[in-house]
């Protein structure tokens, strides 16, 4: 248990931030799952869904919830799966 006033405040702040970060992480994970599912089912709205997912991933990385390399990797894998499902462009 924190003893000083500053330590108590720091604990409150970190608990608030943890709740916010958890919500953002959950949203990102849910969107990634939905995007993958849309790509696998050859859904026509997969492109739009991936676009919004990438925006959320970028925002999470910008806020420091996830690391920049993790965000880049997630975005890369999503785009790779989308491009693969659309087939070669002729």
Protein backbone atom coordinates (compact mmCIF):
# COMPACT_ATOMS: atom_id res chain seq x y z
CA UNK A 1 0.00 0.00 0.00
CA UNK A 2 1.33 3.44 -0.82
CA UNK A 3 2.14 5.57 2.20
CA UNK A 4 2.73 9.10 0.95
CA UNK A 5 0.24 11.40 -0.74
CA UNK A 6 2.21 11.36 -3.98
CA UNK A 7 2.36 7.58 -4.04
CA UNK A 8 -1.39 7.33 -3.49
CA UNK A 9 -2.05 9.73 -6.34
CA UNK A 10 0.36 7.85 -8.61
CA UNK A 11 -1.51 4.63 -7.84
CA UNK A 12 -4.87 6.24 -8.68
CA UNK A 13 -3.48 7.60 -11.95
CA UNK A 14 -1.97 4.29 -12.98
CA UNK A 15 -5.21 2.44 -12.22
CA UNK A 16 -7.23 4.89 -14.34
CA UNK A 17 -4.73 4.61 -17.18
CA UNK A 18 -4.78 0.80 -16.94
CA UNK A 19 -8.56 0.74 -17.42
CA UNK A 20 -8.33 3.04 -20.44
CA UNK A 21 -5.47 1.05 -21.97
CA UNK A 22 -7.33 -2.22 -21.44
CA UNK A 23 -10.38 -0.85 -23.25
CA UNK A 24 -8.28 0.36 -26.19
CA UNK A 25 -6.44 -2.97 -26.40
CA UNK A 26 -9.73 -4.85 -26.32
CA UNK A 27 -11.15 -2.71 -29.12
CA UNK A 28 -8.07 -3.27 -31.27
CA UNK A 29 -8.14 -7.03 -30.71
CA UNK A 30 -11.85 -7.22 -31.53
CA UNK A 31 -11.42 -5.22 -34.73
CA UNK A 32 -8.46 -7.35 -35.82
CA UNK A 33 -10.53 -10.51 -35.29
CA UNK A 34 -13.47 -9.07 -37.24
CA UNK A 35 -11.16 -7.98 -40.05
CA UNK A 36 -9.55 -11.41 -40.33
CA UNK A 37 -12.97 -13.04 -40.35
CA UNK A 38 -14.18 -10.67 -43.09
CA UNK A 39 -11.11 -11.42 -45.21
CA UNK A 40 -11.51 -15.18 -44.81
CA UNK A 41 -15.20 -15.04 -45.76
CA UNK A 42 -14.38 -12.88 -48.82
CA UNK A 43 -16.70 -10.20 -47.50
CA UNK A 44 -16.99 -7.12 -49.71
CA UNK A 45 -16.65 -4.78 -46.73
CA UNK A 46 -13.32 -6.25 -45.63
CA UNK A 47 -11.39 -3.33 -47.11
CA UNK A 48 -13.41 -0.74 -45.20
CA UNK A 49 -13.20 -2.76 -41.99
CA UNK A 50 -9.44 -3.08 -42.31
CA UNK A 51 -9.18 0.65 -42.94
CA UNK A 52 -10.94 1.46 -39.66
CA UNK A 53 -8.91 -1.21 -37.87
CA UNK A 54 -5.67 0.34 -39.08
CA UNK A 55 -6.83 3.75 -37.88
CA UNK A 56 -7.51 2.35 -34.41
CA UNK A 57 -4.15 0.55 -34.37
CA UNK A 58 -2.37 3.78 -35.33
CA UNK A 59 -4.20 5.70 -32.62
CA UNK A 60 -3.29 3.08 -30.00
CA UNK A 61 0.37 3.25 -31.05
CA UNK A 62 0.28 7.03 -30.98
CA UNK A 63 -1.05 6.99 -27.42
CA UNK A 64 1.58 4.45 -26.36
CA UNK A 65 -0.88 1.67 -25.61
CA UNK A 66 0.93 -0.64 -28.04
CA UNK A 67 4.44 -0.27 -29.38
CA UNK A 68 5.01 1.18 -32.83
CA UNK A 69 6.61 -1.99 -34.18
CA UNK A 70 3.70 -4.07 -32.90
CA UNK A 71 1.28 -1.73 -34.64
CA UNK A 72 3.28 -1.91 -37.87
CA UNK A 73 3.34 -5.70 -37.70
CA UNK A 74 -0.42 -5.94 -37.13
CA UNK A 75 -1.14 -3.54 -40.00
CA UNK A 76 1.25 -5.37 -42.31
CA UNK A 77 -0.32 -8.74 -41.61
CA UNK A 78 -3.83 -7.40 -42.14
CA UNK A 79 -2.94 -5.81 -45.47
CA UNK A 80 -1.04 -8.91 -46.55
CA UNK A 81 -4.07 -11.10 -45.86
CA UNK A 82 -6.39 -8.66 -47.67
CA UNK A 83 -4.15 -8.51 -50.74
CA UNK A 84 -3.79 -12.29 -50.76
CA UNK A 85 -7.57 -12.78 -50.65
CA UNK A 86 -8.16 -10.35 -53.51
CA UNK A 87 -5.84 -12.31 -55.77
CA UNK A 88 -3.36 -11.02 -58.34
CA UNK A 89 -4.21 -7.77 -60.05
CA UNK A 90 -4.13 -8.17 -63.80
